[in-house]
Amino acid sequence: MAQAGQAGPPGPGPATPTREIQLNAPPVFDGSQKKYENFLQAVLLYTGLNAHIFNMNELKIGFTLSFLTKKEAAQWREAWVR
């Protein structure tokens, strides 16, 4: 029995999610400097809250590249994939 001031046995820890937490996906990014901060914040929020899914850099990169579909951003994606 634990005495006052002593910790008892550890209880169950927080549950680790096993599925992806559904959030709004980041917006499609076209390479615009004006839209960069918003895009980056959305990607970091999504991958951060779903860190149990995006647990390797390759997964984060692939996820991010999937939103680079217009203008200069599409060229960056194409260059990365080649």
PDB file of N, CA and C in Angstrom:
ATOM      1  N   MET A   1       0.846  -1.176   0.000  1.00  0.00           N
ATOM      2  CA  MET A   1       0.000   0.000   0.000  1.00  0.00           C
ATOM      3  C   MET A   1       0.886   1.230   0.000  1.00  0.00           C
ATOM      4  N   ALA A   2       0.576   2.193  -0.844  1.00  0.00           N
ATOM      5  CA  ALA A   2       1.368   3.420  -0.931  1.00  0.00           C
ATOM      6  C   ALA A   2       1.060   4.318   0.250  1.00  0.00           C
ATOM      7  N   GLN A   3       2.106   4.879   0.824  1.00  0.00           N
ATOM      8  CA  GLN A   3       1.943   5.811   1.935  1.00  0.00           C
ATOM      9  C   GLN A   3       1.798   7.211   1.376  1.00  0.00           C
ATOM     10  N   ALA A   4       1.370   8.131   2.237  1.00  0.00           N
ATOM     11  CA  ALA A   4       1.209   9.518   1.814  1.00  0.00           C
ATOM     12  C   ALA A   4       2.512  10.019   1.216  1.00  0.00           C
ATOM     13  N   GLY A   5       2.430  10.660   0.077  1.00  0.00           N
ATOM     14  CA  GLY A   5       3.601  11.211  -0.574  1.00  0.00           C
ATOM     15  C   GLY A   5       4.295  10.232  -1.508  1.00  0.00           C
ATOM     16  N   GLN A   6       3.837   8.972  -1.522  1.00  0.00           N
ATOM     17  CA  GLN A   6       4.426   7.989  -2.419  1.00  0.00           C
ATOM     18  C   GLN A   6       3.441   7.693  -3.537  1.00  0.00           C
ATOM     19  N   ALA A   7       3.991   7.453  -4.684  1.00  0.00           N
ATOM     20  CA  ALA A   7       3.141   7.142  -5.838  1.00  0.00           C
ATOM     21  C   ALA A   7       2.728   5.682  -5.791  1.00  0.00           C
ATOM     22  N   GLY A   8       1.532   5.423  -6.192  1.00  0.00           N
ATOM     23  CA  GLY A   8       1.052   4.057  -6.307  1.00  0.00           C
ATOM     24  C   GLY A   8       1.448   3.498  -7.662  1.00  0.00           C
ATOM     25  N   PRO A   9       0.929   2.347  -7.991  1.00  0.00           N
ATOM     26  CA  PRO A   9       1.257   1.755  -9.291  1.00  0.00           C
ATOM     27  C   PRO A   9       0.736   2.652 -10.414  1.00  0.00           C
ATOM     28  N   PRO A  10       1.457   2.657 -11.510  1.00  0.00           N
ATOM     29  CA  PRO A  10       1.012   3.511 -12.614  1.00  0.00           C
ATOM     30  C   PRO A  10      -0.326   3.038 -13.158  1.00  0.00           C
ATOM     31  N   GLY A  11      -1.152   3.982 -13.511  1.00  0.00           N
ATOM     32  CA  GLY A  11      -2.438   3.661 -14.124  1.00  0.00           C
ATOM     33  C   GLY A  11      -2.275   3.571 -15.627  1.00  0.00           C
ATOM     34  N   PRO A  12      -3.350   3.309 -16.292  1.00  0.00           N
ATOM     35  CA  PRO A  12      -3.256   3.238 -17.749  1.00  0.00           C
ATOM     36  C   PRO A  12      -2.881   4.614 -18.307  1.00  0.00           C
ATOM     37  N   GLY A  13      -2.006   4.618 -19.289  1.00  0.00           N
ATOM     38  CA  GLY A  13      -1.580   5.864 -19.929  1.00  0.00           C
ATOM     39  C   GLY A  13      -2.641   6.339 -20.913  1.00  0.00           C
ATOM     40  N   PRO A  14      -2.367   7.459 -21.542  1.00  0.00           N
ATOM     41  CA  PRO A  14      -3.329   7.957 -22.524  1.00  0.00           C
ATOM     42  C   PRO A  14      -3.422   6.987 -23.703  1.00  0.00           C
ATOM     43  N   ALA A  15      -4.599   6.869 -24.226  1.00  0.00           N
ATOM     44  CA  ALA A  15      -4.824   5.965 -25.349  1.00  0.00           C
ATOM     45  C   ALA A  15      -4.115   6.510 -26.593  1.00  0.00           C
ATOM     46  N   THR A  16      -3.428   5.638 -27.297  1.00  0.00           N
ATOM     47  CA  THR A  16      -2.790   6.018 -28.549  1.00  0.00           C
ATOM     48  C   THR A  16      -3.779   5.749 -29.663  1.00  0.00           C
ATOM     49  N   PRO A  17      -4.101   6.782 -30.452  1.00  0.00           N
ATOM     50  CA  PRO A  17      -5.048   6.545 -31.540  1.00  0.00           C
ATOM     51  C   PRO A  17      -4.457   5.572 -32.553  1.00  0.00           C
ATOM     52  N   THR A  18      -5.295   4.769 -33.139  1.00  0.00           N
ATOM     53  CA  THR A  18      -4.830   3.818 -34.140  1.00  0.00           C
ATOM     54  C   THR A  18      -5.249   4.229 -35.543  1.00  0.00           C
ATOM     55  N   ARG A  19      -6.179   5.173 -35.628  1.00  0.00           N
ATOM     56  CA  ARG A  19      -6.637   5.646 -36.929  1.00  0.00           C
ATOM     57  C   ARG A  19      -6.281   7.116 -37.078  1.00  0.00           C
ATOM     58  N   GLU A  20      -6.323   7.562 -38.306  1.00  0.00           N
ATOM     59  CA  GLU A  20      -6.001   8.954 -38.602  1.00  0.00           C
ATOM     60  C   GLU A  20      -7.080   9.879 -38.041  1.00  0.00           C
ATOM     61  N   ILE A  21      -6.659  10.926 -37.361  1.00  0.00           N
ATOM     62  CA  ILE A  21      -7.585  11.930 -36.847  1.00  0.00           C
ATOM     63  C   ILE A  21      -8.012  12.786 -38.030  1.00  0.00           C
ATOM     64  N   GLN A  22      -9.309  12.880 -38.242  1.00  0.00           N
ATOM     65  CA  GLN A  22      -9.825  13.600 -39.401  1.00  0.00           C
ATOM     66  C   GLN A  22      -9.850  15.099 -39.148  1.00  0.00           C
ATOM     67  N   LEU A  23      -9.084  15.811 -39.937  1.00  0.00           N
ATOM     68  CA  LEU A  23      -9.035  17.271 -39.908  1.00  0.00           C
ATOM     69  C   LEU A  23      -9.230  17.756 -41.330  1.00  0.00           C
ATOM     70  N   ASN A  24      -9.436  19.056 -41.479  1.00  0.00           N
ATOM     71  CA  ASN A  24      -9.428  19.606 -42.828  1.00  0.00           C
ATOM     72  C   ASN A  24      -8.040  19.404 -43.408  1.00  0.00           C
ATOM     73  N   ALA A  25      -7.999  18.961 -44.634  1.00  0.00           N
ATOM     74  CA  ALA A  25      -6.717  18.770 -45.300  1.00  0.00           C
ATOM     75  C   ALA A  25      -6.107  20.131 -45.610  1.00  0.00           C
ATOM     76  N   PRO A  26      -4.783  20.196 -45.705  1.00  0.00           N
ATOM     77  CA  PRO A  26      -4.164  21.454 -46.108  1.00  0.00           C
ATOM     78  C   PRO A  26      -4.672  21.882 -47.488  1.00  0.00           C
ATOM     79  N   PRO A  27      -4.625  23.179 -47.761  1.00  0.00           N
ATOM     80  CA  PRO A  27      -5.070  23.634 -49.081  1.00  0.00           C
ATOM     81  C   PRO A  27      -4.055  23.242 -50.150  1.00  0.00           C
ATOM     82  N   VAL A  28      -4.514  23.148 -51.372  1.00  0.00           N
ATOM     83  CA  VAL A  28      -3.602  22.937 -52.491  1.00  0.00           C
ATOM     84  C   VAL A  28      -2.655  24.131 -52.522  1.00  0.00           C
ATOM     85  N   PHE A  29      -1.371  23.853 -52.752  1.00  0.00           N
ATOM     86  CA  PHE A  29      -0.372  24.924 -52.727  1.00  0.00           C
ATOM     87  C   PHE A  29       0.190  25.122 -54.124  1.00  0.00           C
ATOM     88  N   ASP A  30       0.262  26.392 -54.535  1.00  0.00           N
ATOM     89  CA  ASP A  30       0.746  26.712 -55.880  1.00  0.00           C
ATOM     90  C   ASP A  30       2.138  27.326 -55.905  1.00  0.00           C
ATOM     91  N   GLY A  31       2.767  27.447 -54.749  1.00  0.00           N
ATOM     92  CA  GLY A  31       4.099  28.020 -54.683  1.00  0.00           C
ATOM     93  C   GLY A  31       4.113  29.489 -54.302  1.00  0.00           C
ATOM     94  N   SER A  32       2.951  30.069 -54.095  1.00  0.00           N
ATOM     95  CA  SER A  32       2.843  31.484 -53.756  1.00  0.00           C
ATOM     96  C   SER A  32       3.429  31.766 -52.380  1.00  0.00           C
ATOM     97  N   GLN A  33       4.336  32.750 -52.309  1.00  0.00           N
ATOM     98  CA  GLN A  33       4.904  33.125 -51.012  1.00  0.00           C
ATOM     99  C   GLN A  33       3.819  33.619 -50.070  1.00  0.00           C
ATOM    100  N   LYS A  34       2.815  34.246 -50.619  1.00  0.00           N
ATOM    101  CA  LYS A  34       1.707  34.777 -49.826  1.00  0.00           C
ATOM    102  C   LYS A  34       0.931  33.669 -49.105  1.00  0.00           C
ATOM    103  N   LYS A  35       0.853  32.504 -49.726  1.00  0.00           N
ATOM    104  CA  LYS A  35       0.076  31.390 -49.170  1.00  0.00           C
ATOM    105  C   LYS A  35       0.928  30.385 -48.400  1.00  0.00           C
ATOM    106  N   TYR A  36       2.242  30.596 -48.394  1.00  0.00           N
ATOM    107  CA  TYR A  36       3.161  29.622 -47.809  1.00  0.00           C
ATOM    108  C   TYR A  36       2.915  29.372 -46.327  1.00  0.00           C
ATOM    109  N   GLU A  37       2.833  30.437 -45.523  1.00  0.00           N
ATOM    110  CA  GLU A  37       2.666  30.273 -44.066  1.00  0.00           C
ATOM    111  C   GLU A  37       1.409  29.474 -43.743  1.00  0.00           C
ATOM    112  N   ASN A  38       0.304  29.805 -44.390  1.00  0.00           N
ATOM    113  CA  ASN A  38      -0.959  29.098 -44.154  1.00  0.00           C
ATOM    114  C   ASN A  38      -0.819  27.619 -44.527  1.00  0.00           C
ATOM    115  N   PHE A  39      -0.196  27.374 -45.670  1.00  0.00           N
ATOM    116  CA  PHE A  39      -0.001  25.995 -46.105  1.00  0.00           C
ATOM    117  C   PHE A  39       0.875  25.224 -45.118  1.00  0.00           C
ATOM    118  N   LEU A  40       2.002  25.815 -44.730  1.00  0.00           N
ATOM    119  CA  LEU A  40       2.909  25.148 -43.809  1.00  0.00           C
ATOM    120  C   LEU A  40       2.244  24.855 -42.473  1.00  0.00           C
ATOM    121  N   GLN A  41       1.511  25.809 -41.938  1.00  0.00           N
ATOM    122  CA  GLN A  41       0.814  25.597 -40.666  1.00  0.00           C
ATOM    123  C   GLN A  41      -0.198  24.466 -40.774  1.00  0.00           C
ATOM    124  N   ALA A  42      -0.925  24.410 -41.884  1.00  0.00           N
ATOM    125  CA  ALA A  42      -1.920  23.352 -42.074  1.00  0.00           C
ATOM    126  C   ALA A  42      -1.256  21.977 -42.157  1.00  0.00           C
ATOM    127  N   VAL A  43      -0.127  21.891 -42.862  1.00  0.00           N
ATOM    128  CA  VAL A  43       0.592  20.615 -42.977  1.00  0.00           C
ATOM    129  C   VAL A  43       1.124  20.186 -41.612  1.00  0.00           C
ATOM    130  N   LEU A  44       1.733  21.125 -40.883  1.00  0.00           N
ATOM    131  CA  LEU A  44       2.288  20.794 -39.571  1.00  0.00           C
ATOM    132  C   LEU A  44       1.201  20.390 -38.575  1.00  0.00           C
ATOM    133  N   LEU A  45       0.066  21.050 -38.625  1.00  0.00           N
ATOM    134  CA  LEU A  45      -1.050  20.688 -37.748  1.00  0.00           C
ATOM    135  C   LEU A  45      -1.528  19.276 -38.060  1.00  0.00           C
ATOM    136  N   TYR A  46      -1.740  19.000 -39.328  1.00  0.00           N
ATOM    137  CA  TYR A  46      -2.258  17.695 -39.732  1.00  0.00           C
ATOM    138  C   TYR A  46      -1.282  16.576 -39.385  1.00  0.00           C
ATOM    139  N   THR A  47      -0.020  16.754 -39.766  1.00  0.00           N
ATOM    140  CA  THR A  47       0.954  15.688 -39.509  1.00  0.00           C
ATOM    141  C   THR A  47       1.312  15.588 -38.022  1.00  0.00           C
ATOM    142  N   GLY A  48       1.234  16.713 -37.313  1.00  0.00           N
ATOM    143  CA  GLY A  48       1.523  16.690 -35.877  1.00  0.00           C
ATOM    144  C   GLY A  48       0.459  15.959 -35.084  1.00  0.00           C
ATOM    145  N   LEU A  49      -0.801  16.228 -35.383  1.00  0.00           N
ATOM    146  CA  LEU A  49      -1.886  15.551 -34.671  1.00  0.00           C
ATOM    147  C   LEU A  49      -2.028  14.093 -35.099  1.00  0.00           C
ATOM    148  N   ASN A  50      -1.454  13.765 -36.240  1.00  0.00           N
ATOM    149  CA  ASN A  50      -1.464  12.388 -36.725  1.00  0.00           C
ATOM    150  C   ASN A  50      -0.050  11.813 -36.741  1.00  0.00           C
ATOM    151  N   ALA A  51       0.733  12.193 -35.740  1.00  0.00           N
ATOM    152  CA  ALA A  51       2.132  11.745 -35.671  1.00  0.00           C
ATOM    153  C   ALA A  51       2.246  10.219 -35.627  1.00  0.00           C
ATOM    154  N   HIS A  52       1.227   9.553 -35.106  1.00  0.00           N
ATOM    155  CA  HIS A  52       1.244   8.091 -35.061  1.00  0.00           C
ATOM    156  C   HIS A  52       1.142   7.488 -36.465  1.00  0.00           C
ATOM    157  N   ILE A  53       0.634   8.249 -37.419  1.00  0.00           N
ATOM    158  CA  ILE A  53       0.555   7.817 -38.819  1.00  0.00           C
ATOM    159  C   ILE A  53       1.792   8.305 -39.578  1.00  0.00           C
ATOM    160  N   PHE A  54       2.114   9.590 -39.406  1.00  0.00           N
ATOM    161  CA  PHE A  54       3.232  10.219 -40.110  1.00  0.00           C
ATOM    162  C   PHE A  54       4.497  10.112 -39.253  1.00  0.00           C
ATOM    163  N   ASN A  55       4.938   8.881 -39.044  1.00  0.00           N
ATOM    164  CA  ASN A  55       6.047   8.612 -38.138  1.00  0.00           C
ATOM    165  C   ASN A  55       7.393   8.444 -38.849  1.00  0.00           C
ATOM    166  N   MET A  56       7.415   8.720 -40.138  1.00  0.00           N
ATOM    167  CA  MET A  56       8.662   8.697 -40.909  1.00  0.00           C
ATOM    168  C   MET A  56       8.680   9.920 -41.816  1.00  0.00           C
ATOM    169  N   ASN A  57       9.861  10.460 -42.048  1.00  0.00           N
ATOM    170  CA  ASN A  57       9.962  11.642 -42.901  1.00  0.00           C
ATOM    171  C   ASN A  57       9.396  11.395 -44.288  1.00  0.00           C
ATOM    172  N   GLU A  58       9.576  10.197 -44.827  1.00  0.00           N
ATOM    173  CA  GLU A  58       9.068   9.885 -46.161  1.00  0.00           C
ATOM    174  C   GLU A  58       7.550  10.051 -46.225  1.00  0.00           C
ATOM    175  N   LEU A  59       6.857   9.683 -45.162  1.00  0.00           N
ATOM    176  CA  LEU A  59       5.403   9.827 -45.132  1.00  0.00           C
ATOM    177  C   LEU A  59       5.002  11.296 -45.083  1.00  0.00           C
ATOM    178  N   LYS A  60       5.716  12.091 -44.310  1.00  0.00           N
ATOM    179  CA  LYS A  60       5.429  13.527 -44.233  1.00  0.00           C
ATOM    180  C   LYS A  60       5.704  14.195 -45.575  1.00  0.00           C
ATOM    181  N   ILE A  61       6.810  13.823 -46.199  1.00  0.00           N
ATOM    182  CA  ILE A  61       7.159  14.404 -47.494  1.00  0.00           C
ATOM    183  C   ILE A  61       6.123  14.024 -48.541  1.00  0.00           C
ATOM    184  N   GLY A  62       5.747  12.776 -48.597  1.00  0.00           N
ATOM    185  CA  GLY A  62       4.739  12.330 -49.558  1.00  0.00           C
ATOM    186  C   GLY A  62       3.413  13.026 -49.354  1.00  0.00           C
ATOM    187  N   PHE A  63       3.006  13.166 -48.105  1.00  0.00           N
ATOM    188  CA  PHE A  63       1.758  13.860 -47.792  1.00  0.00           C
ATOM    189  C   PHE A  63       1.821  15.307 -48.278  1.00  0.00           C
ATOM    190  N   THR A  64       2.912  15.985 -47.954  1.00  0.00           N
ATOM    191  CA  THR A  64       3.070  17.378 -48.344  1.00  0.00           C
ATOM    192  C   THR A  64       3.102  17.529 -49.856  1.00  0.00           C
ATOM    193  N   LEU A  65       3.854  16.671 -50.528  1.00  0.00           N
ATOM    194  CA  LEU A  65       3.944  16.745 -51.981  1.00  0.00           C
ATOM    195  C   LEU A  65       2.592  16.536 -52.655  1.00  0.00           C
ATOM    196  N   SER A  66       1.706  15.811 -52.014  1.00  0.00           N
ATOM    197  CA  SER A  66       0.404  15.544 -52.629  1.00  0.00           C
ATOM    198  C   SER A  66      -0.442  16.806 -52.777  1.00  0.00           C
ATOM    199  N   PHE A  67      -0.051  17.888 -52.102  1.00  0.00           N
ATOM    200  CA  PHE A  67      -0.787  19.149 -52.201  1.00  0.00           C
ATOM    201  C   PHE A  67      -0.092  20.165 -53.101  1.00  0.00           C
ATOM    202  N   LEU A  68       1.045  19.805 -53.651  1.00  0.00           N
ATOM    203  CA  LEU A  68       1.764  20.698 -54.559  1.00  0.00           C
ATOM    204  C   LEU A  68       1.342  20.357 -55.987  1.00  0.00           C
ATOM    205  N   THR A  69       0.212  20.889 -56.388  1.00  0.00           N
ATOM    206  CA  THR A  69      -0.367  20.463 -57.666  1.00  0.00           C
ATOM    207  C   THR A  69      -0.554  21.578 -58.684  1.00  0.00           C
ATOM    208  N   LYS A  70      -0.209  22.801 -58.325  1.00  0.00           N
ATOM    209  CA  LYS A  70      -0.437  23.903 -59.259  1.00  0.00           C
ATOM    210  C   LYS A  70       0.812  24.746 -59.429  1.00  0.00           C
ATOM    211  N   LYS A  71       0.932  25.334 -60.597  1.00  0.00           N
ATOM    212  CA  LYS A  71       1.981  26.295 -60.941  1.00  0.00           C
ATOM    213  C   LYS A  71       3.372  25.812 -60.532  1.00  0.00           C
ATOM    214  N   GLU A  72       4.162  26.705 -59.892  1.00  0.00           N
ATOM    215  CA  GLU A  72       5.547  26.375 -59.538  1.00  0.00           C
ATOM    216  C   GLU A  72       5.635  25.194 -58.576  1.00  0.00           C
ATOM    217  N   ALA A  73       4.664  25.089 -57.690  1.00  0.00           N
ATOM    218  CA  ALA A  73       4.688  23.995 -56.720  1.00  0.00           C
ATOM    219  C   ALA A  73       4.614  22.639 -57.415  1.00  0.00           C
ATOM    220  N   ALA A  74       3.848  22.552 -58.487  1.00  0.00           N
ATOM    221  CA  ALA A  74       3.757  21.299 -59.239  1.00  0.00           C
ATOM    222  C   ALA A  74       5.110  20.953 -59.858  1.00  0.00           C
ATOM    223  N   GLN A  75       5.853  21.967 -60.260  1.00  0.00           N
ATOM    224  CA  GLN A  75       7.194  21.728 -60.807  1.00  0.00           C
ATOM    225  C   GLN A  75       8.138  21.216 -59.726  1.00  0.00           C
ATOM    226  N   TRP A  76       8.035  21.761 -58.517  1.00  0.00           N
ATOM    227  CA  TRP A  76       8.867  21.285 -57.407  1.00  0.00           C
ATOM    228  C   TRP A  76       8.566  19.810 -57.127  1.00  0.00           C
ATOM    229  N   ARG A  77       7.290  19.490 -57.120  1.00  0.00           N
ATOM    230  CA  ARG A  77       6.875  18.109 -56.842  1.00  0.00           C
ATOM    231  C   ARG A  77       7.419  17.174 -57.909  1.00  0.00           C
ATOM    232  N   GLU A  78       7.267  17.580 -59.150  1.00  0.00           N
ATOM    233  CA  GLU A  78       7.738  16.756 -60.257  1.00  0.00           C
ATOM    234  C   GLU A  78       9.248  16.521 -60.148  1.00  0.00           C
ATOM    235  N   ALA A  79      10.005  17.564 -59.818  1.00  0.00           N
ATOM    236  CA  ALA A  79      11.442  17.439 -59.669  1.00  0.00           C
ATOM    237  C   ALA A  79      11.801  16.496 -58.514  1.00  0.00           C
ATOM    238  N   TRP A  80      11.035  16.546 -57.426  1.00  0.00           N
ATOM    239  CA  TRP A  80      11.305  15.693 -56.259  1.00  0.00           C
ATOM    240  C   TRP A  80      11.047  14.228 -56.577  1.00  0.00           C
ATOM    241  N   VAL A  81       9.968  13.979 -57.283  1.00  0.00           N
ATOM    242  CA  VAL A  81       9.554  12.605 -57.555  1.00  0.00           C
ATOM    243  C   VAL A  81      10.496  11.929 -58.542  1.00  0.00           C
ATOM    244  N   ARG A  82      11.083  12.698 -59.435  1.00  0.00           N
ATOM    245  CA  ARG A  82      11.987  12.099 -60.436  1.00  0.00           C
ATOM    246  C   ARG A  82      13.221  11.618 -59.823  1.00  0.00           C
TER     247      ARG A  82
END
